[in-house]
Amino acid sequence: MPRAINATQPYRDKLLKLIPTEIVAAYMVLAGILGFGATAAAPSVQQPSRLTDAELQPILIQVVFFVLLVLTPVYLRKVSRVTGVAQLGVTTLSFAVWVYTLGGPFIVWDIYYPLIAS
């Protein structure tokens, strides 16, 4: 589906083209594999000799988030052939907002508020 937006399209079509569905799906799969959801608690700070799964999980969800955030405009430009800088920016921002609604790395950073996310 081409993601180019023009003035003659209905609002619903424009909105759907601003949601990076492939990136969102990748995040959902990877967050699910990591077992990291909105109910996850922020990790406690300790000095272990090696990382346990519970301590590695918050690091990995942050890596997943940042990699997908950077890949969003690249993917849209190369694969979906989006050329509008504004559309690339809004779509990338919409991915970050969508992740905030789930918690993800924002829980780790202690800036996730469910009331705002809803």
PDB file of N, CA and C in Angstrom:
ATOM      1  N   MET A   1       0.849  -1.180   0.000  1.00  0.00           N
ATOM      2  CA  MET A   1       0.000   0.000   0.000  1.00  0.00           C
ATOM      3  C   MET A   1       0.891   1.238   0.000  1.00  0.00           C
ATOM      4  N   PRO A   2       0.784   2.066  -1.001  1.00  0.00           N
ATOM      5  CA  PRO A   2       1.562   3.298  -1.002  1.00  0.00           C
ATOM      6  C   PRO A   2       1.119   4.195   0.150  1.00  0.00           C
ATOM      7  N   ARG A   3       2.085   4.849   0.781  1.00  0.00           N
ATOM      8  CA  ARG A   3       1.787   5.677   1.939  1.00  0.00           C
ATOM      9  C   ARG A   3       1.770   7.164   1.624  1.00  0.00           C
ATOM     10  N   ALA A   4       1.842   7.517   0.379  1.00  0.00           N
ATOM     11  CA  ALA A   4       1.820   8.939   0.037  1.00  0.00           C
ATOM     12  C   ALA A   4       0.459   9.524   0.400  1.00  0.00           C
ATOM     13  N   ILE A   5       0.488  10.720   0.959  1.00  0.00           N
ATOM     14  CA  ILE A   5      -0.737  11.392   1.371  1.00  0.00           C
ATOM     15  C   ILE A   5      -0.970  12.575   0.443  1.00  0.00           C
ATOM     16  N   ASN A   6      -2.221  12.695  -0.031  1.00  0.00           N
ATOM     17  CA  ASN A   6      -2.560  13.865  -0.838  1.00  0.00           C
ATOM     18  C   ASN A   6      -3.844  14.489  -0.310  1.00  0.00           C
ATOM     19  N   ALA A   7      -4.140  15.674  -0.756  1.00  0.00           N
ATOM     20  CA  ALA A   7      -5.260  16.460  -0.223  1.00  0.00           C
ATOM     21  C   ALA A   7      -6.624  15.878  -0.552  1.00  0.00           C
ATOM     22  N   THR A   8      -6.711  15.017  -1.543  1.00  0.00           N
ATOM     23  CA  THR A   8      -8.020  14.489  -1.947  1.00  0.00           C
ATOM     24  C   THR A   8      -8.454  13.269  -1.138  1.00  0.00           C
ATOM     25  N   GLN A   9      -7.579  12.736  -0.329  1.00  0.00           N
ATOM     26  CA  GLN A   9      -7.911  11.539   0.443  1.00  0.00           C
ATOM     27  C   GLN A   9      -8.748  11.885   1.667  1.00  0.00           C
ATOM     28  N   PRO A  10      -9.644  10.969   2.055  1.00  0.00           N
ATOM     29  CA  PRO A  10     -10.403  11.186   3.293  1.00  0.00           C
ATOM     30  C   PRO A  10      -9.474  11.126   4.511  1.00  0.00           C
ATOM     31  N   TYR A  11      -9.915  11.730   5.603  1.00  0.00           N
ATOM     32  CA  TYR A  11      -9.121  11.808   6.833  1.00  0.00           C
ATOM     33  C   TYR A  11      -8.710  10.429   7.326  1.00  0.00           C
ATOM     34  N   ARG A  12      -9.612   9.466   7.283  1.00  0.00           N
ATOM     35  CA  ARG A  12      -9.338   8.113   7.762  1.00  0.00           C
ATOM     36  C   ARG A  12      -8.160   7.496   7.006  1.00  0.00           C
ATOM     37  N   ASP A  13      -8.137   7.655   5.704  1.00  0.00           N
ATOM     38  CA  ASP A  13      -7.034   7.118   4.906  1.00  0.00           C
ATOM     39  C   ASP A  13      -5.709   7.791   5.261  1.00  0.00           C
ATOM     40  N   LYS A  14      -5.762   9.109   5.467  1.00  0.00           N
ATOM     41  CA  LYS A  14      -4.545   9.832   5.848  1.00  0.00           C
ATOM     42  C   LYS A  14      -4.026   9.343   7.192  1.00  0.00           C
ATOM     43  N   LEU A  15      -4.922   9.153   8.140  1.00  0.00           N
ATOM     44  CA  LEU A  15      -4.536   8.709   9.474  1.00  0.00           C
ATOM     45  C   LEU A  15      -3.910   7.317   9.433  1.00  0.00           C
ATOM     46  N   LEU A  16      -4.504   6.406   8.679  1.00  0.00           N
ATOM     47  CA  LEU A  16      -3.973   5.049   8.584  1.00  0.00           C
ATOM     48  C   LEU A  16      -2.580   5.032   7.968  1.00  0.00           C
ATOM     49  N   LYS A  17      -2.309   5.958   7.072  1.00  0.00           N
ATOM     50  CA  LYS A  17      -0.998   6.010   6.438  1.00  0.00           C
ATOM     51  C   LYS A  17       0.062   6.605   7.359  1.00  0.00           C
ATOM     52  N   LEU A  18      -0.353   7.234   8.448  1.00  0.00           N
ATOM     53  CA  LEU A  18       0.594   7.804   9.395  1.00  0.00           C
ATOM     54  C   LEU A  18       0.957   6.842  10.528  1.00  0.00           C
ATOM     55  N   ILE A  19       0.326   5.676  10.551  1.00  0.00           N
ATOM     56  CA  ILE A  19       0.621   4.678  11.573  1.00  0.00           C
ATOM     57  C   ILE A  19       1.594   3.664  10.985  1.00  0.00           C
ATOM     58  N   PRO A  20       2.794   3.569  11.554  1.00  0.00           N
ATOM     59  CA  PRO A  20       3.788   2.634  11.007  1.00  0.00           C
ATOM     60  C   PRO A  20       3.490   1.189  11.438  1.00  0.00           C
ATOM     61  N   THR A  21       2.535   0.554  10.773  1.00  0.00           N
ATOM     62  CA  THR A  21       2.026  -0.750  11.208  1.00  0.00           C
ATOM     63  C   THR A  21       3.102  -1.834  11.247  1.00  0.00           C
ATOM     64  N   GLU A  22       4.001  -1.841  10.302  1.00  0.00           N
ATOM     65  CA  GLU A  22       5.037  -2.873  10.288  1.00  0.00           C
ATOM     66  C   GLU A  22       5.979  -2.708  11.474  1.00  0.00           C
ATOM     67  N   ILE A  23       6.318  -1.476  11.802  1.00  0.00           N
ATOM     68  CA  ILE A  23       7.199  -1.202  12.938  1.00  0.00           C
ATOM     69  C   ILE A  23       6.480  -1.525  14.244  1.00  0.00           C
ATOM     70  N   VAL A  24       5.209  -1.165  14.328  1.00  0.00           N
ATOM     71  CA  VAL A  24       4.404  -1.466  15.516  1.00  0.00           C
ATOM     72  C   VAL A  24       4.329  -2.979  15.720  1.00  0.00           C
ATOM     73  N   ALA A  25       4.112  -3.725  14.648  1.00  0.00           N
ATOM     74  CA  ALA A  25       4.042  -5.183  14.740  1.00  0.00           C
ATOM     75  C   ALA A  25       5.375  -5.758  15.215  1.00  0.00           C
ATOM     76  N   ALA A  26       6.472  -5.228  14.705  1.00  0.00           N
ATOM     77  CA  ALA A  26       7.793  -5.696  15.135  1.00  0.00           C
ATOM     78  C   ALA A  26       7.995  -5.431  16.627  1.00  0.00           C
ATOM     79  N   TYR A  27       7.586  -4.255  17.090  1.00  0.00           N
ATOM     80  CA  TYR A  27       7.719  -3.935  18.513  1.00  0.00           C
ATOM     81  C   TYR A  27       6.876  -4.891  19.358  1.00  0.00           C
ATOM     82  N   MET A  28       5.644  -5.145  18.929  1.00  0.00           N
ATOM     83  CA  MET A  28       4.766  -6.030  19.697  1.00  0.00           C
ATOM     84  C   MET A  28       5.358  -7.432  19.822  1.00  0.00           C
ATOM     85  N   VAL A  29       5.904  -7.936  18.724  1.00  0.00           N
ATOM     86  CA  VAL A  29       6.498  -9.271  18.744  1.00  0.00           C
ATOM     87  C   VAL A  29       7.707  -9.300  19.671  1.00  0.00           C
ATOM     88  N   LEU A  30       8.609  -8.332  19.517  1.00  0.00           N
ATOM     89  CA  LEU A  30       9.829  -8.325  20.329  1.00  0.00           C
ATOM     90  C   LEU A  30       9.533  -8.067  21.808  1.00  0.00           C
ATOM     91  N   ALA A  31       8.601  -7.164  22.108  1.00  0.00           N
ATOM     92  CA  ALA A  31       8.232  -6.922  23.509  1.00  0.00           C
ATOM     93  C   ALA A  31       7.579  -8.163  24.106  1.00  0.00           C
ATOM     94  N   GLY A  32       6.790  -8.863  23.308  1.00  0.00           N
ATOM     95  CA  GLY A  32       6.172 -10.099  23.782  1.00  0.00           C
ATOM     96  C   GLY A  32       7.189 -11.184  24.066  1.00  0.00           C
ATOM     97  N   ILE A  33       8.189 -11.289  23.198  1.00  0.00           N
ATOM     98  CA  ILE A  33       9.250 -12.270  23.415  1.00  0.00           C
ATOM     99  C   ILE A  33      10.021 -11.938  24.689  1.00  0.00           C
ATOM    100  N   LEU A  34      10.251 -10.650  24.907  1.00  0.00           N
ATOM    101  CA  LEU A  34      10.968 -10.225  26.116  1.00  0.00           C
ATOM    102  C   LEU A  34      10.095 -10.317  27.361  1.00  0.00           C
ATOM    103  N   GLY A  35       8.763 -10.413  27.176  1.00  0.00           N
ATOM    104  CA  GLY A  35       7.854 -10.465  28.313  1.00  0.00           C
ATOM    105  C   GLY A  35       7.718  -9.133  29.003  1.00  0.00           C
ATOM    106  N   PHE A  36       7.834  -8.059  28.243  1.00  0.00           N
ATOM    107  CA  PHE A  36       7.813  -6.721  28.821  1.00  0.00           C
ATOM    108  C   PHE A  36       6.546  -6.017  28.377  1.00  0.00           C
ATOM    109  N   GLY A  37       5.648  -5.742  29.318  1.00  0.00           N
ATOM    110  CA  GLY A  37       4.408  -5.065  29.002  1.00  0.00           C
ATOM    111  C   GLY A  37       4.167  -3.900  29.935  1.00  0.00           C
ATOM    112  N   ALA A  38       2.971  -3.338  29.862  1.00  0.00           N
ATOM    113  CA  ALA A  38       2.626  -2.165  30.667  1.00  0.00           C
ATOM    114  C   ALA A  38       2.587  -2.481  32.157  1.00  0.00           C
ATOM    115  N   THR A  39       2.495  -3.743  32.513  1.00  0.00           N
ATOM    116  CA  THR A  39       2.431  -4.098  33.928  1.00  0.00           C
ATOM    117  C   THR A  39       3.804  -4.377  34.516  1.00  0.00           C
ATOM    118  N   ALA A  40       4.837  -4.296  33.721  1.00  0.00           N
ATOM    119  CA  ALA A  40       6.187  -4.558  34.221  1.00  0.00           C
ATOM    120  C   ALA A  40       6.614  -3.448  35.172  1.00  0.00           C
ATOM    121  N   ALA A  41       7.350  -3.819  36.167  1.00  0.00           N
ATOM    122  CA  ALA A  41       7.837  -2.846  37.145  1.00  0.00           C
ATOM    123  C   ALA A  41       9.220  -2.364  36.749  1.00  0.00           C
ATOM    124  N   ALA A  42       9.554  -1.170  37.182  1.00  0.00           N
ATOM    125  CA  ALA A  42      10.892  -0.638  36.925  1.00  0.00           C
ATOM    126  C   ALA A  42      11.904  -1.481  37.686  1.00  0.00           C
ATOM    127  N   PRO A  43      13.063  -1.704  37.084  1.00  0.00           N
ATOM    128  CA  PRO A  43      14.050  -2.562  37.731  1.00  0.00           C
ATOM    129  C   PRO A  43      14.686  -1.886  38.942  1.00  0.00           C
ATOM    130  N   SER A  44      15.092  -2.709  39.897  1.00  0.00           N
ATOM    131  CA  SER A  44      15.810  -2.162  41.044  1.00  0.00           C
ATOM    132  C   SER A  44      17.294  -2.065  40.689  1.00  0.00           C
ATOM    133  N   VAL A  45      17.975  -1.124  41.317  1.00  0.00           N
ATOM    134  CA  VAL A  45      19.384  -0.908  41.024  1.00  0.00           C
ATOM    135  C   VAL A  45      20.224  -1.757  41.967  1.00  0.00           C
ATOM    136  N   GLN A  46      21.013  -2.650  41.390  1.00  0.00           N
ATOM    137  CA  GLN A  46      21.892  -3.510  42.162  1.00  0.00           C
ATOM    138  C   GLN A  46      23.208  -3.632  41.417  1.00  0.00           C
ATOM    139  N   GLN A  47      24.196  -4.192  42.046  1.00  0.00           N
ATOM    140  CA  GLN A  47      25.504  -4.377  41.431  1.00  0.00           C
ATOM    141  C   GLN A  47      25.830  -5.874  41.347  1.00  0.00           C
ATOM    142  N   PRO A  48      25.168  -6.624  40.477  1.00  0.00           N
ATOM    143  CA  PRO A  48      25.461  -8.053  40.385  1.00  0.00           C
ATOM    144  C   PRO A  48      26.743  -8.302  39.578  1.00  0.00           C
ATOM    145  N   SER A  49      27.289  -9.486  39.741  1.00  0.00           N
ATOM    146  CA  SER A  49      28.488  -9.822  38.987  1.00  0.00           C
ATOM    147  C   SER A  49      28.141 -10.111  37.530  1.00  0.00           C
ATOM    148  N   ARG A  50      26.949 -10.619  37.275  1.00  0.00           N
ATOM    149  CA  ARG A  50      26.477 -10.809  35.905  1.00  0.00           C
ATOM    150  C   ARG A  50      24.989 -10.515  35.860  1.00  0.00           C
ATOM    151  N   LEU A  51      24.516 -10.129  34.691  1.00  0.00           N
ATOM    152  CA  LEU A  51      23.112  -9.734  34.545  1.00  0.00           C
ATOM    153  C   LEU A  51      22.203 -10.951  34.538  1.00  0.00           C
ATOM    154  N   THR A  52      21.108 -10.868  35.286  1.00  0.00           N
ATOM    155  CA  THR A  52      20.097 -11.905  35.248  1.00  0.00           C
ATOM    156  C   THR A  52      19.074 -11.538  34.176  1.00  0.00           C
ATOM    157  N   ASP A  53      18.162 -12.433  33.889  1.00  0.00           N
ATOM    158  CA  ASP A  53      17.136 -12.159  32.887  1.00  0.00           C
ATOM    159  C   ASP A  53      16.293 -10.944  33.261  1.00  0.00           C
ATOM    160  N   ALA A  54      15.980 -10.816  34.552  1.00  0.00           N
ATOM    161  CA  ALA A  54      15.151  -9.693  35.007  1.00  0.00           C
ATOM    162  C   ALA A  54      15.875  -8.361  34.846  1.00  0.00           C
ATOM    163  N   GLU A  55      17.181  -8.371  34.905  1.00  0.00           N
ATOM    164  CA  GLU A  55      17.953  -7.138  34.751  1.00  0.00           C
ATOM    165  C   GLU A  55      18.275  -6.853  33.285  1.00  0.00           C
ATOM    166  N   LEU A  56      18.347  -7.887  32.474  1.00  0.00           N
ATOM    167  CA  LEU A  56      18.628  -7.729  31.053  1.00  0.00           C
ATOM    168  C   LEU A  56      17.396  -7.270  30.289  1.00  0.00           C
ATOM    169  N   GLN A  57      16.244  -7.663  30.738  1.00  0.00           N
ATOM    170  CA  GLN A  57      14.978  -7.331  30.075  1.00  0.00           C
ATOM    171  C   GLN A  57      14.778  -5.830  29.879  1.00  0.00           C
ATOM    172  N   PRO A  58      14.970  -4.968  30.891  1.00  0.00           N
ATOM    173  CA  PRO A  58      14.805  -3.528  30.678  1.00  0.00           C
ATOM    174  C   PRO A  58      15.814  -2.943  29.685  1.00  0.00           C
ATOM    175  N   ILE A  59      17.009  -3.485  29.668  1.00  0.00           N
ATOM    176  CA  ILE A  59      18.014  -3.016  28.712  1.00  0.00           C
ATOM    177  C   ILE A  59      17.585  -3.368  27.298  1.00  0.00           C
ATOM    178  N   LEU A  60      17.110  -4.585  27.112  1.00  0.00           N
ATOM    179  CA  LEU A  60      16.713  -5.034  25.782  1.00  0.00           C
ATOM    180  C   LEU A  60      15.500  -4.270  25.252  1.00  0.00           C
ATOM    181  N   ILE A  61      14.525  -3.953  26.114  1.00  0.00           N
ATOM    182  CA  ILE A  61      13.346  -3.225  25.637  1.00  0.00           C
ATOM    183  C   ILE A  61      13.734  -1.818  25.196  1.00  0.00           C
ATOM    184  N   GLN A  62      14.722  -1.225  25.842  1.00  0.00           N
ATOM    185  CA  GLN A  62      15.206   0.088  25.417  1.00  0.00           C
ATOM    186  C   GLN A  62      15.919  -0.003  24.073  1.00  0.00           C
ATOM    187  N   VAL A  63      16.722  -1.036  23.902  1.00  0.00           N
ATOM    188  CA  VAL A  63      17.418  -1.235  22.628  1.00  0.00           C
ATOM    189  C   VAL A  63      16.409  -1.454  21.507  1.00  0.00           C
ATOM    190  N   VAL A  64      15.413  -2.290  21.754  1.00  0.00           N
ATOM    191  CA  VAL A  64      14.368  -2.546  20.752  1.00  0.00           C
ATOM    192  C   VAL A  64      13.670  -1.244  20.378  1.00  0.00           C
ATOM    193  N   PHE A  65      13.297  -0.452  21.373  1.00  0.00           N
ATOM    194  CA  PHE A  65      12.604   0.808  21.119  1.00  0.00           C
ATOM    195  C   PHE A  65      13.444   1.740  20.255  1.00  0.00           C
ATOM    196  N   PHE A  66      14.696   1.955  20.640  1.00  0.00           N
ATOM    197  CA  PHE A  66      15.529   2.896  19.894  1.00  0.00           C
ATOM    198  C   PHE A  66      15.862   2.404  18.486  1.00  0.00           C
ATOM    199  N   VAL A  67      16.104   1.117  18.337  1.00  0.00           N
ATOM    200  CA  VAL A  67      16.381   0.578  16.999  1.00  0.00           C
ATOM    201  C   VAL A  67      15.168   0.764  16.097  1.00  0.00           C
ATOM    202  N   LEU A  68      13.984   0.436  16.593  1.00  0.00           N
ATOM    203  CA  LEU A  68      12.781   0.584  15.773  1.00  0.00           C
ATOM    204  C   LEU A  68      12.440   2.051  15.532  1.00  0.00           C
ATOM    205  N   LEU A  69      12.716   2.913  16.503  1.00  0.00           N
ATOM    206  CA  LEU A  69      12.481   4.348  16.315  1.00  0.00           C
ATOM    207  C   LEU A  69      13.356   4.891  15.188  1.00  0.00           C
ATOM    208  N   VAL A  70      14.602   4.479  15.152  1.00  0.00           N
ATOM    209  CA  VAL A  70      15.518   4.914  14.092  1.00  0.00           C
ATOM    210  C   VAL A  70      15.142   4.275  12.757  1.00  0.00           C
ATOM    211  N   LEU A  71      14.695   3.030  12.789  1.00  0.00           N
ATOM    212  CA  LEU A  71      14.335   2.332  11.553  1.00  0.00           C
ATOM    213  C   LEU A  71      13.023   2.815  10.934  1.00  0.00           C
ATOM    214  N   THR A  72      12.163   3.441  11.728  1.00  0.00           N
ATOM    215  CA  THR A  72      10.864   3.868  11.206  1.00  0.00           C
ATOM    216  C   THR A  72      10.995   4.775   9.991  1.00  0.00           C
ATOM    217  N   PRO A  73      11.690   5.911  10.050  1.00  0.00           N
ATOM    218  CA  PRO A  73      11.784   6.748   8.850  1.00  0.00           C
ATOM    219  C   PRO A  73      12.590   6.092   7.733  1.00  0.00           C
ATOM    220  N   VAL A  74      13.592   5.298   8.103  1.00  0.00           N
ATOM    221  CA  VAL A  74      14.392   4.610   7.080  1.00  0.00           C
ATOM    222  C   VAL A  74      13.517   3.625   6.317  1.00  0.00           C
ATOM    223  N   TYR A  75      12.755   2.831   7.060  1.00  0.00           N
ATOM    224  CA  TYR A  75      11.854   1.853   6.446  1.00  0.00           C
ATOM    225  C   TYR A  75      10.822   2.542   5.560  1.00  0.00           C
ATOM    226  N   LEU A  76      10.212   3.587   6.086  1.00  0.00           N
ATOM    227  CA  LEU A  76       9.177   4.276   5.307  1.00  0.00           C
ATOM    228  C   LEU A  76       9.747   4.902   4.040  1.00  0.00           C
ATOM    229  N   ARG A  77      10.948   5.432   4.111  1.00  0.00           N
ATOM    230  CA  ARG A  77      11.557   6.065   2.934  1.00  0.00           C
ATOM    231  C   ARG A  77      11.968   5.027   1.900  1.00  0.00           C
ATOM    232  N   LYS A  78      12.599   3.939   2.344  1.00  0.00           N
ATOM    233  CA  LYS A  78      13.140   2.941   1.407  1.00  0.00           C
ATOM    234  C   LYS A  78      12.077   1.973   0.894  1.00  0.00           C
ATOM    235  N   VAL A  79      11.249   1.453   1.782  1.00  0.00           N
ATOM    236  CA  VAL A  79      10.297   0.421   1.393  1.00  0.00           C
ATOM    237  C   VAL A  79       8.971   1.016   0.927  1.00  0.00           C
ATOM    238  N   SER A  80       8.412   1.943   1.710  1.00  0.00           N
ATOM    239  CA  SER A  80       7.106   2.516   1.365  1.00  0.00           C
ATOM    240  C   SER A  80       7.219   3.730   0.459  1.00  0.00           C
ATOM    241  N   ARG A  81       8.428   4.171   0.182  1.00  0.00           N
ATOM    242  CA  ARG A  81       8.683   5.289  -0.732  1.00  0.00           C
ATOM    243  C   ARG A  81       8.019   6.595  -0.290  1.00  0.00           C
ATOM    244  N   VAL A  82       8.014   6.837   1.010  1.00  0.00           N
ATOM    245  CA  VAL A  82       7.500   8.094   1.550  1.00  0.00           C
ATOM    246  C   VAL A  82       8.597   9.141   1.392  1.00  0.00           C
ATOM    247  N   THR A  83       8.251  10.281   0.800  1.00  0.00           N
ATOM    248  CA  THR A  83       9.254  11.326   0.592  1.00  0.00           C
ATOM    249  C   THR A  83       8.988  12.569   1.430  1.00  0.00           C
ATOM    250  N   GLY A  84       7.791  12.717   1.948  1.00  0.00           N
ATOM    251  CA  GLY A  84       7.448  13.899   2.737  1.00  0.00           C
ATOM    252  C   GLY A  84       8.139  13.883   4.098  1.00  0.00           C
ATOM    253  N   VAL A  85       8.951  14.892   4.351  1.00  0.00           N
ATOM    254  CA  VAL A  85       9.674  14.973   5.620  1.00  0.00           C
ATOM    255  C   VAL A  85       8.697  15.095   6.792  1.00  0.00           C
ATOM    256  N   ALA A  86       7.644  15.866   6.607  1.00  0.00           N
ATOM    257  CA  ALA A  86       6.643  16.018   7.677  1.00  0.00           C
ATOM    258  C   ALA A  86       5.970  14.681   7.976  1.00  0.00           C
ATOM    259  N   GLN A  87       5.633  13.929   6.944  1.00  0.00           N
ATOM    260  CA  GLN A  87       4.994  12.634   7.151  1.00  0.00           C
ATOM    261  C   GLN A  87       5.945  11.666   7.849  1.00  0.00           C
ATOM    262  N   LEU A  88       7.215  11.686   7.481  1.00  0.00           N
ATOM    263  CA  LEU A  88       8.199  10.830   8.146  1.00  0.00           C
ATOM    264  C   LEU A  88       8.324  11.203   9.624  1.00  0.00           C
ATOM    265  N   GLY A  89       8.346  12.490   9.915  1.00  0.00           N
ATOM    266  CA  GLY A  89       8.456  12.946  11.298  1.00  0.00           C
ATOM    267  C   GLY A  89       7.237  12.595  12.125  1.00  0.00           C
ATOM    268  N   VAL A  90       6.059  12.838  11.575  1.00  0.00           N
ATOM    269  CA  VAL A  90       4.819  12.538  12.304  1.00  0.00           C
ATOM    270  C   VAL A  90       4.683  11.034  12.526  1.00  0.00           C
ATOM    271  N   THR A  91       5.035  10.248  11.541  1.00  0.00           N
ATOM    272  CA  THR A  91       4.934   8.799  11.668  1.00  0.00           C
ATOM    273  C   THR A  91       5.902   8.274  12.719  1.00  0.00           C
ATOM    274  N   THR A  92       7.109   8.795  12.744  1.00  0.00           N
ATOM    275  CA  THR A  92       8.089   8.386  13.748  1.00  0.00           C
ATOM    276  C   THR A  92       7.624   8.788  15.144  1.00  0.00           C
ATOM    277  N   LEU A  93       7.105   9.982  15.274  1.00  0.00           N
ATOM    278  CA  LEU A  93       6.567  10.439  16.549  1.00  0.00           C
ATOM    279  C   LEU A  93       5.360   9.594  16.973  1.00  0.00           C
ATOM    280  N   SER A  94       4.534   9.202  16.018  1.00  0.00           N
ATOM    281  CA  SER A  94       3.361   8.388  16.366  1.00  0.00           C
ATOM    282  C   SER A  94       3.784   7.024  16.898  1.00  0.00           C
ATOM    283  N   PHE A  95       4.896   6.488  16.399  1.00  0.00           N
ATOM    284  CA  PHE A  95       5.404   5.226  16.944  1.00  0.00           C
ATOM    285  C   PHE A  95       5.808   5.407  18.408  1.00  0.00           C
ATOM    286  N   ALA A  96       6.513   6.491  18.704  1.00  0.00           N
ATOM    287  CA  ALA A  96       6.941   6.745  20.084  1.00  0.00           C
ATOM    288  C   ALA A  96       5.738   6.923  21.009  1.00  0.00           C
ATOM    289  N   VAL A  97       4.725   7.629  20.551  1.00  0.00           N
ATOM    290  CA  VAL A  97       3.514   7.833  21.349  1.00  0.00           C
ATOM    291  C   VAL A  97       2.801   6.500  21.565  1.00  0.00           C
ATOM    292  N   TRP A  98       2.742   5.689  20.534  1.00  0.00           N
ATOM    293  CA  TRP A  98       2.086   4.389  20.645  1.00  0.00           C
ATOM    294  C   TRP A  98       2.804   3.521  21.672  1.00  0.00           C
ATOM    295  N   VAL A  99       4.141   3.516  21.648  1.00  0.00           N
ATOM    296  CA  VAL A  99       4.900   2.731  22.628  1.00  0.00           C
ATOM    297  C   VAL A  99       4.644   3.274  24.031  1.00  0.00           C
ATOM    298  N   TYR A 100       4.521   4.586  24.168  1.00  0.00           N
ATOM    299  CA  TYR A 100       4.243   5.166  25.489  1.00  0.00           C
ATOM    300  C   TYR A 100       2.934   4.634  26.055  1.00  0.00           C
ATOM    301  N   THR A 101       1.935   4.430  25.209  1.00  0.00           N
ATOM    302  CA  THR A 101       0.650   3.932  25.707  1.00  0.00           C
ATOM    303  C   THR A 101       0.780   2.533  26.299  1.00  0.00           C
ATOM    304  N   LEU A 102       1.794   1.785  25.869  1.00  0.00           N
ATOM    305  CA  LEU A 102       2.014   0.442  26.402  1.00  0.00           C
ATOM    306  C   LEU A 102       2.970   0.421  27.587  1.00  0.00           C
ATOM    307  N   GLY A 103       3.755   1.459  27.744  1.00  0.00           N
ATOM    308  CA  GLY A 103       4.728   1.505  28.827  1.00  0.00           C
ATOM    309  C   GLY A 103       6.132   1.346  28.299  1.00  0.00           C
ATOM    310  N   GLY A 104       6.495   0.124  27.962  1.00  0.00           N
ATOM    311  CA  GLY A 104       7.799  -0.161  27.376  1.00  0.00           C
ATOM    312  C   GLY A 104       8.956   0.485  28.112  1.00  0.00           C
ATOM    313  N   PRO A 105       9.847   1.133  27.378  1.00  0.00           N
ATOM    314  CA  PRO A 105      11.016   1.735  28.018  1.00  0.00           C
ATOM    315  C   PRO A 105      10.663   2.915  28.918  1.00  0.00           C
ATOM    316  N   PHE A 106       9.493   3.472  28.731  1.00  0.00           N
ATOM    317  CA  PHE A 106       9.085   4.603  29.566  1.00  0.00           C
ATOM    318  C   PHE A 106       8.883   4.172  31.016  1.00  0.00           C
ATOM    319  N   ILE A 107       8.563   2.907  31.234  1.00  0.00           N
ATOM    320  CA  ILE A 107       8.479   2.367  32.597  1.00  0.00           C
ATOM    321  C   ILE A 107       9.879   2.317  33.201  1.00  0.00           C
ATOM    322  N   VAL A 108      10.838   1.874  32.396  1.00  0.00           N
ATOM    323  CA  VAL A 108      12.221   1.787  32.868  1.00  0.00           C
ATOM    324  C   VAL A 108      12.736   3.169  33.247  1.00  0.00           C
ATOM    325  N   TRP A 109      12.397   4.170  32.450  1.00  0.00           N
ATOM    326  CA  TRP A 109      12.858   5.539  32.696  1.00  0.00           C
ATOM    327  C   TRP A 109      12.039   6.230  33.788  1.00  0.00           C
ATOM    328  N   ASP A 110      11.022   5.547  34.298  1.00  0.00           N
ATOM    329  CA  ASP A 110      10.158   6.070  35.360  1.00  0.00           C
ATOM    330  C   ASP A 110       9.415   7.346  34.945  1.00  0.00           C
ATOM    331  N   ILE A 111       8.993   7.386  33.682  1.00  0.00           N
ATOM    332  CA  ILE A 111       8.189   8.525  33.204  1.00  0.00           C
ATOM    333  C   ILE A 111       6.883   8.036  32.586  1.00  0.00           C
ATOM    334  N   TYR A 112       6.473   6.832  32.928  1.00  0.00           N
ATOM    335  CA  TYR A 112       5.229   6.274  32.407  1.00  0.00           C
ATOM    336  C   TYR A 112       4.114   6.527  33.421  1.00  0.00           C
ATOM    337  N   TYR A 113       3.059   7.171  32.962  1.00  0.00           N
ATOM    338  CA  TYR A 113       1.886   7.432  33.784  1.00  0.00           C
ATOM    339  C   TYR A 113       0.663   6.887  33.037  1.00  0.00           C
ATOM    340  N   PRO A 114       0.030   5.823  33.569  1.00  0.00           N
ATOM    341  CA  PRO A 114      -1.087   5.205  32.883  1.00  0.00           C
ATOM    342  C   PRO A 114      -2.217   6.164  32.541  1.00  0.00           C
ATOM    343  N   LEU A 115      -2.463   7.151  33.390  1.00  0.00           N
ATOM    344  CA  LEU A 115      -3.528   8.103  33.113  1.00  0.00           C
ATOM    345  C   LEU A 115      -3.218   8.914  31.847  1.00  0.00           C
ATOM    346  N   ILE A 116      -1.983   9.342  31.720  1.00  0.00           N
ATOM    347  CA  ILE A 116      -1.583  10.082  30.513  1.00  0.00           C
ATOM    348  C   ILE A 116      -1.584   9.140  29.310  1.00  0.00           C
ATOM    349  N   ALA A 117      -1.132   7.927  29.492  1.00  0.00           N
ATOM    350  CA  ALA A 117      -1.071   6.975  28.389  1.00  0.00           C
ATOM    351  C   ALA A 117      -2.458   6.640  27.852  1.00  0.00           C
ATOM    352  N   SER A 118      -3.437   6.657  28.720  1.00  0.00           N
ATOM    353  CA  SER A 118      -4.784   6.334  28.239  1.00  0.00           C
ATOM    354  C   SER A 118      -5.399   7.512  27.550  1.00  0.00           C
TER     355      SER A 118
END
